[in-house]
All heavy atoms as atom14 arrays in JSON, in Angstrom:
{
  "sequence": "RILEVGTFLGFSSLCLAKGLLPDGQLHTLELDE",
  "atom14_mask": [
    [1, 1, 1, 1, 1, 1, 1, 1, 1, 1, 1, 0, 0, 0],
    [1, 1, 1, 1, 1, 1, 1, 1, 0, 0, 0, 0, 0, 0],
    [1, 1, 1, 1, 1, 1, 1, 1, 0, 0, 0, 0, 0, 0],
    [1, 1, 1, 1, 1, 1, 1, 1, 1, 0, 0, 0, 0, 0],
    [1, 1, 1, 1, 1, 1, 1, 0, 0, 0, 0, 0, 0, 0],
    [1, 1, 1, 1, 0, 0, 0, 0, 0, 0, 0, 0, 0, 0],
    [1, 1, 1, 1, 1, 1, 1, 0, 0, 0, 0, 0, 0, 0],
    [1, 1, 1, 1, 1, 1, 1, 1, 1, 1, 1, 0, 0, 0],
    [1, 1, 1, 1, 1, 1, 1, 1, 0, 0, 0, 0, 0, 0],
    [1, 1, 1, 1, 0, 0, 0, 0, 0, 0, 0, 0, 0, 0],
    [1, 1, 1, 1, 1, 1, 1, 1, 1, 1, 1, 0, 0, 0],
    [1, 1, 1, 1, 1, 1, 0, 0, 0, 0, 0, 0, 0, 0],
    [1, 1, 1, 1, 1, 1, 0, 0, 0, 0, 0, 0, 0, 0],
    [1, 1, 1, 1, 1, 1, 1, 1, 0, 0, 0, 0, 0, 0],
    [1, 1, 1, 1, 1, 1, 0, 0, 0, 0, 0, 0, 0, 0],
    [1, 1, 1, 1, 1, 1, 1, 1, 0, 0, 0, 0, 0, 0],
    [1, 1, 1, 1, 1, 0, 0, 0, 0, 0, 0, 0, 0, 0],
    [1, 1, 1, 1, 1, 1, 1, 1, 1, 0, 0, 0, 0, 0],
    [1, 1, 1, 1, 0, 0, 0, 0, 0, 0, 0, 0, 0, 0],
    [1, 1, 1, 1, 1, 1, 1, 1, 0, 0, 0, 0, 0, 0],
    [1, 1, 1, 1, 1, 1, 1, 1, 0, 0, 0, 0, 0, 0],
    [1, 1, 1, 1, 1, 1, 1, 0, 0, 0, 0, 0, 0, 0],
    [1, 1, 1, 1, 1, 1, 1, 1, 0, 0, 0, 0, 0, 0],
    [1, 1, 1, 1, 0, 0, 0, 0, 0, 0, 0, 0, 0, 0],
    [1, 1, 1, 1, 1, 1, 1, 1, 1, 0, 0, 0, 0, 0],
    [1, 1, 1, 1, 1, 1, 1, 1, 0, 0, 0, 0, 0, 0],
    [1, 1, 1, 1, 1, 1, 1, 1, 1, 1, 0, 0, 0, 0],
    [1, 1, 1, 1, 1, 1, 1, 0, 0, 0, 0, 0, 0, 0],
    [1, 1, 1, 1, 1, 1, 1, 1, 0, 0, 0, 0, 0, 0],
    [1, 1, 1, 1, 1, 1, 1, 1, 1, 0, 0, 0, 0, 0],
    [1, 1, 1, 1, 1, 1, 1, 1, 0, 0, 0, 0, 0, 0],
    [1, 1, 1, 1, 1, 1, 1, 1, 0, 0, 0, 0, 0, 0],
    [1, 1, 1, 1, 1, 1, 1, 1, 1, 0, 0, 0, 0, 0]
  ],
  "atom14_positions": [
    [[55.63, 16.69, 86.91], [54.93, 16.73, 85.6], [55.12, 18.06, 84.96], [54.74, 19.1, 85.56], [53.46, 16.43, 85.76], [53.14, 14.94, 86.15], [53.41, 14.03, 85.0], [53.1, 12.66, 85.27], [53.85, 11.72, 85.85], [55.13, 12.14, 86.3], [53.44, 10.52, 86.09], [0.0, 0.0, 0.0], [0.0, 0.0, 0.0], [0.0, 0.0, 0.0]],
    [[55.63, 18.07, 83.69], [55.79, 19.29, 82.89], [54.92, 19.15, 81.65], [54.89, 18.05, 81.01], [57.27, 19.5, 82.49], [58.15, 19.61, 83.73], [57.39, 20.71, 81.64], [59.66, 19.75, 83.37], [0.0, 0.0, 0.0], [0.0, 0.0, 0.0], [0.0, 0.0, 0.0], [0.0, 0.0, 0.0], [0.0, 0.0, 0.0], [0.0, 0.0, 0.0]],
    [[54.29, 20.24, 81.23], [53.56, 20.26, 80.03], [54.11, 21.36, 79.1], [54.43, 22.46, 79.55], [52.04, 20.54, 80.3], [51.17, 20.83, 79.1], [51.03, 19.62, 78.15], [49.78, 21.35, 79.51], [0.0, 0.0, 0.0], [0.0, 0.0, 0.0], [0.0, 0.0, 0.0], [0.0, 0.0, 0.0], [0.0, 0.0, 0.0], [0.0, 0.0, 0.0]],
    [[54.33, 21.06, 77.9], [54.8, 21.97, 76.86], [53.8, 22.01, 75.72], [53.58, 20.98, 75.08], [56.2, 21.63, 76.42], [56.75, 22.68, 75.36], [58.12, 22.28, 74.81], [58.3, 21.07, 74.5], [59.03, 23.17, 74.78], [0.0, 0.0, 0.0], [0.0, 0.0, 0.0], [0.0, 0.0, 0.0], [0.0, 0.0, 0.0], [0.0, 0.0, 0.0]],
    [[53.31, 23.23, 75.36], [52.5, 23.34, 74.22], [53.28, 24.03, 73.11], [53.49, 25.19, 73.15], [51.2, 24.15, 74.51], [50.22, 24.19, 73.32], [50.47, 23.62, 75.76], [0.0, 0.0, 0.0], [0.0, 0.0, 0.0], [0.0, 0.0, 0.0], [0.0, 0.0, 0.0], [0.0, 0.0, 0.0], [0.0, 0.0, 0.0], [0.0, 0.0, 0.0]],
    [[53.71, 23.21, 72.14], [54.6, 23.74, 71.09], [55.95, 23.16, 71.16], [56.8, 23.77, 71.87], [0.0, 0.0, 0.0], [0.0, 0.0, 0.0], [0.0, 0.0, 0.0], [0.0, 0.0, 0.0], [0.0, 0.0, 0.0], [0.0, 0.0, 0.0], [0.0, 0.0, 0.0], [0.0, 0.0, 0.0], [0.0, 0.0, 0.0], [0.0, 0.0, 0.0]],
    [[56.27, 22.07, 70.55], [57.55, 21.46, 70.72], [58.65, 22.06, 69.79], [59.78, 22.14, 70.22], [57.46, 19.9, 70.31], [56.29, 19.27, 70.94], [58.71, 19.13, 70.65], [0.0, 0.0, 0.0], [0.0, 0.0, 0.0], [0.0, 0.0, 0.0], [0.0, 0.0, 0.0], [0.0, 0.0, 0.0], [0.0, 0.0, 0.0], [0.0, 0.0, 0.0]],
    [[58.29, 22.36, 68.57], [59.23, 22.82, 67.51], [60.33, 21.79, 67.43], [60.08, 20.59, 67.25], [59.76, 24.18, 67.79], [60.47, 24.8, 66.61], [59.93, 24.73, 65.33], [61.69, 25.51, 66.84], [60.65, 25.27, 64.29], [62.34, 26.06, 65.78], [61.8, 25.95, 64.47], [0.0, 0.0, 0.0], [0.0, 0.0, 0.0], [0.0, 0.0, 0.0]],
    [[61.63, 22.09, 67.5], [62.69, 21.13, 67.33], [63.08, 20.38, 68.6], [63.99, 19.54, 68.64], [63.91, 21.79, 66.81], [63.71, 22.54, 65.42], [65.03, 23.22, 64.96], [63.21, 21.54, 64.33], [0.0, 0.0, 0.0], [0.0, 0.0, 0.0], [0.0, 0.0, 0.0], [0.0, 0.0, 0.0], [0.0, 0.0, 0.0], [0.0, 0.0, 0.0]],
    [[62.39, 20.67, 69.75], [62.6, 20.01, 70.96], [63.66, 20.7, 71.9], [63.97, 20.15, 72.92], [0.0, 0.0, 0.0], [0.0, 0.0, 0.0], [0.0, 0.0, 0.0], [0.0, 0.0, 0.0], [0.0, 0.0, 0.0], [0.0, 0.0, 0.0], [0.0, 0.0, 0.0], [0.0, 0.0, 0.0], [0.0, 0.0, 0.0], [0.0, 0.0, 0.0]],
    [[64.09, 21.92, 71.47], [65.17, 22.56, 72.3], [64.63, 22.91, 73.73], [65.24, 22.52, 74.74], [65.57, 23.84, 71.56], [66.73, 24.59, 72.25], [68.04, 24.28, 71.9], [66.51, 25.56, 73.19], [69.1, 24.96, 72.51], [67.54, 26.28, 73.76], [68.85, 25.94, 73.42], [0.0, 0.0, 0.0], [0.0, 0.0, 0.0], [0.0, 0.0, 0.0]],
    [[63.51, 23.55, 73.82], [62.95, 23.93, 75.09], [62.58, 22.72, 75.9], [62.66, 22.71, 77.15], [61.84, 24.92, 74.91], [60.86, 24.43, 74.06], [0.0, 0.0, 0.0], [0.0, 0.0, 0.0], [0.0, 0.0, 0.0], [0.0, 0.0, 0.0], [0.0, 0.0, 0.0], [0.0, 0.0, 0.0], [0.0, 0.0, 0.0], [0.0, 0.0, 0.0]],
    [[62.1, 21.69, 75.24], [61.67, 20.42, 75.87], [62.88, 19.85, 76.67], [62.78, 19.5, 77.87], [61.22, 19.38, 74.89], [60.34, 19.97, 73.97], [0.0, 0.0, 0.0], [0.0, 0.0, 0.0], [0.0, 0.0, 0.0], [0.0, 0.0, 0.0], [0.0, 0.0, 0.0], [0.0, 0.0, 0.0], [0.0, 0.0, 0.0], [0.0, 0.0, 0.0]],
    [[64.0, 19.81, 76.02], [65.25, 19.2, 76.58], [65.73, 20.1, 77.73], [66.3, 19.58, 78.73], [66.3, 19.01, 75.56], [65.99, 17.94, 74.53], [66.92, 17.98, 73.34], [65.97, 16.57, 75.15], [0.0, 0.0, 0.0], [0.0, 0.0, 0.0], [0.0, 0.0, 0.0], [0.0, 0.0, 0.0], [0.0, 0.0, 0.0], [0.0, 0.0, 0.0]],
    [[65.59, 21.42, 77.56], [66.0, 22.32, 78.69], [65.11, 22.11, 79.9], [65.65, 21.95, 81.04], [65.89, 23.82, 78.21], [67.07, 24.29, 76.93], [0.0, 0.0, 0.0], [0.0, 0.0, 0.0], [0.0, 0.0, 0.0], [0.0, 0.0, 0.0], [0.0, 0.0, 0.0], [0.0, 0.0, 0.0], [0.0, 0.0, 0.0], [0.0, 0.0, 0.0]],
    [[63.86, 22.05, 79.73], [62.92, 21.85, 80.84], [63.02, 20.46, 81.46], [62.99, 20.37, 82.7], [61.44, 22.0, 80.29], [61.01, 23.37, 79.95], [59.74, 23.35, 79.1], [60.78, 24.24, 81.18], [0.0, 0.0, 0.0], [0.0, 0.0, 0.0], [0.0, 0.0, 0.0], [0.0, 0.0, 0.0], [0.0, 0.0, 0.0], [0.0, 0.0, 0.0]],
    [[63.36, 19.49, 80.66], [63.46, 18.13, 81.15], [64.65, 17.97, 82.15], [64.65, 16.99, 82.98], [63.65, 17.14, 80.02], [0.0, 0.0, 0.0], [0.0, 0.0, 0.0], [0.0, 0.0, 0.0], [0.0, 0.0, 0.0], [0.0, 0.0, 0.0], [0.0, 0.0, 0.0], [0.0, 0.0, 0.0], [0.0, 0.0, 0.0], [0.0, 0.0, 0.0]],
    [[65.6, 18.86, 82.14], [66.75, 18.72, 82.97], [66.43, 18.86, 84.49], [67.18, 18.38, 85.33], [67.79, 19.8, 82.65], [68.5, 19.53, 81.28], [69.42, 20.65, 80.92], [70.07, 20.46, 79.6], [71.04, 19.39, 79.51], [0.0, 0.0, 0.0], [0.0, 0.0, 0.0], [0.0, 0.0, 0.0], [0.0, 0.0, 0.0], [0.0, 0.0, 0.0]],
    [[65.25, 19.41, 84.79], [64.83, 19.57, 86.23], [63.89, 18.5, 86.72], [63.5, 18.51, 87.86], [0.0, 0.0, 0.0], [0.0, 0.0, 0.0], [0.0, 0.0, 0.0], [0.0, 0.0, 0.0], [0.0, 0.0, 0.0], [0.0, 0.0, 0.0], [0.0, 0.0, 0.0], [0.0, 0.0, 0.0], [0.0, 0.0, 0.0], [0.0, 0.0, 0.0]],
    [[63.48, 17.61, 85.88], [62.54, 16.58, 86.26], [62.98, 15.67, 87.34], [64.18, 15.33, 87.47], [62.21, 15.68, 85.06], [61.17, 16.17, 84.01], [61.2, 15.2, 82.77], [59.8, 16.29, 84.59], [0.0, 0.0, 0.0], [0.0, 0.0, 0.0], [0.0, 0.0, 0.0], [0.0, 0.0, 0.0], [0.0, 0.0, 0.0], [0.0, 0.0, 0.0]],
    [[62.09, 15.34, 88.25], [62.37, 14.3, 89.22], [62.67, 12.95, 88.52], [62.26, 12.81, 87.31], [61.21, 14.12, 90.13], [60.94, 15.27, 91.14], [59.62, 15.04, 91.88], [62.07, 15.45, 92.07], [0.0, 0.0, 0.0], [0.0, 0.0, 0.0], [0.0, 0.0, 0.0], [0.0, 0.0, 0.0], [0.0, 0.0, 0.0], [0.0, 0.0, 0.0]],
    [[63.33, 12.08, 89.13], [63.74, 10.77, 88.45], [62.57, 10.06, 87.91], [62.69, 9.36, 86.84], [64.41, 9.94, 89.56], [65.0, 10.99, 90.46], [63.97, 12.17, 90.47], [0.0, 0.0, 0.0], [0.0, 0.0, 0.0], [0.0, 0.0, 0.0], [0.0, 0.0, 0.0], [0.0, 0.0, 0.0], [0.0, 0.0, 0.0], [0.0, 0.0, 0.0]],
    [[61.36, 10.13, 88.53], [60.19, 9.48, 88.03], [59.24, 10.45, 87.31], [58.06, 10.1, 87.08], [59.43, 8.77, 89.14], [58.99, 9.74, 90.21], [59.43, 10.9, 90.23], [58.1, 9.34, 91.07], [0.0, 0.0, 0.0], [0.0, 0.0, 0.0], [0.0, 0.0, 0.0], [0.0, 0.0, 0.0], [0.0, 0.0, 0.0], [0.0, 0.0, 0.0]],
    [[59.77, 11.65, 86.95], [58.9, 12.61, 86.37], [58.78, 12.4, 84.84], [59.45, 11.64, 84.21], [0.0, 0.0, 0.0], [0.0, 0.0, 0.0], [0.0, 0.0, 0.0], [0.0, 0.0, 0.0], [0.0, 0.0, 0.0], [0.0, 0.0, 0.0], [0.0, 0.0, 0.0], [0.0, 0.0, 0.0], [0.0, 0.0, 0.0], [0.0, 0.0, 0.0]],
    [[57.8, 13.21, 84.29], [57.52, 13.08, 82.82], [57.32, 14.53, 82.34], [56.75, 15.37, 82.97], [56.28, 12.25, 82.54], [56.42, 10.78, 82.8], [55.1, 10.04, 82.5], [54.08, 10.61, 82.29], [55.24, 8.77, 82.35], [0.0, 0.0, 0.0], [0.0, 0.0, 0.0], [0.0, 0.0, 0.0], [0.0, 0.0, 0.0], [0.0, 0.0, 0.0]],
    [[57.67, 14.66, 81.03], [57.37, 15.89, 80.29], [56.56, 15.51, 79.08], [56.94, 14.69, 78.28], [58.63, 16.59, 79.81], [58.5, 17.93, 79.13], [59.73, 18.78, 79.35], [58.35, 17.71, 77.62], [0.0, 0.0, 0.0], [0.0, 0.0, 0.0], [0.0, 0.0, 0.0], [0.0, 0.0, 0.0], [0.0, 0.0, 0.0], [0.0, 0.0, 0.0]],
    [[55.36, 16.17, 78.99], [54.47, 15.91, 77.83], [54.58, 17.14, 76.97], [54.32, 18.3, 77.44], [52.99, 15.71, 78.36], [52.8, 14.43, 79.02], [52.14, 13.36, 78.51], [53.13, 14.08, 80.35], [52.12, 12.39, 79.36], [52.71, 12.78, 80.49], [0.0, 0.0, 0.0], [0.0, 0.0, 0.0], [0.0, 0.0, 0.0], [0.0, 0.0, 0.0]],
    [[54.92, 16.93, 75.7], [55.02, 18.04, 74.74], [54.18, 17.8, 73.52], [54.08, 16.63, 73.05], [56.53, 18.24, 74.38], [56.65, 19.42, 73.54], [57.12, 17.04, 73.74], [0.0, 0.0, 0.0], [0.0, 0.0, 0.0], [0.0, 0.0, 0.0], [0.0, 0.0, 0.0], [0.0, 0.0, 0.0], [0.0, 0.0, 0.0], [0.0, 0.0, 0.0]],
    [[53.59, 18.85, 73.03], [52.55, 18.76, 71.97], [53.04, 19.5, 70.77], [53.44, 20.68, 70.8], [51.23, 19.41, 72.4], [50.34, 18.68, 73.46], [51.13, 18.3, 74.66], [49.16, 19.56, 73.79], [0.0, 0.0, 0.0], [0.0, 0.0, 0.0], [0.0, 0.0, 0.0], [0.0, 0.0, 0.0], [0.0, 0.0, 0.0], [0.0, 0.0, 0.0]],
    [[52.95, 18.81, 69.63], [53.37, 19.43, 68.34], [52.34, 19.08, 67.23], [51.98, 17.93, 67.11], [54.78, 18.98, 67.97], [55.28, 19.44, 66.63], [55.25, 20.93, 66.44], [55.77, 21.64, 67.4], [54.81, 21.48, 65.42], [0.0, 0.0, 0.0], [0.0, 0.0, 0.0], [0.0, 0.0, 0.0], [0.0, 0.0, 0.0], [0.0, 0.0, 0.0]],
    [[51.98, 20.08, 66.45], [51.09, 19.85, 65.36], [51.69, 19.28, 64.13], [51.2, 18.35, 63.47], [50.33, 21.14, 64.96], [49.36, 21.12, 63.78], [48.17, 20.19, 64.1], [48.86, 22.54, 63.48], [0.0, 0.0, 0.0], [0.0, 0.0, 0.0], [0.0, 0.0, 0.0], [0.0, 0.0, 0.0], [0.0, 0.0, 0.0], [0.0, 0.0, 0.0]],
    [[52.87, 19.86, 63.72], [53.47, 19.5, 62.45], [54.19, 18.14, 62.5], [55.03, 17.95, 63.34], [54.42, 20.64, 62.07], [55.08, 20.33, 60.67], [54.37, 20.61, 59.68], [56.24, 19.95, 60.65], [0.0, 0.0, 0.0], [0.0, 0.0, 0.0], [0.0, 0.0, 0.0], [0.0, 0.0, 0.0], [0.0, 0.0, 0.0], [0.0, 0.0, 0.0]],
    [[53.88, 17.32, 61.54], [54.4, 15.89, 61.57], [55.96, 15.88, 61.36], [56.63, 15.15, 62.11], [53.75, 15.08, 60.46], [54.1, 13.64, 60.53], [53.32, 12.78, 59.55], [52.39, 13.34, 58.93], [53.6, 11.55, 59.46], [0.0, 0.0, 0.0], [0.0, 0.0, 0.0], [0.0, 0.0, 0.0], [0.0, 0.0, 0.0], [0.0, 0.0, 0.0]]
  ]
}
């Protein structure tokens, strides 16, 4: 389980997701629609 506070364009989300276990999840939070 990974948590990210501040998604922006998703760059760091995708970098972090590369290490997830096969059944893992990354939750990312973004204010701006």
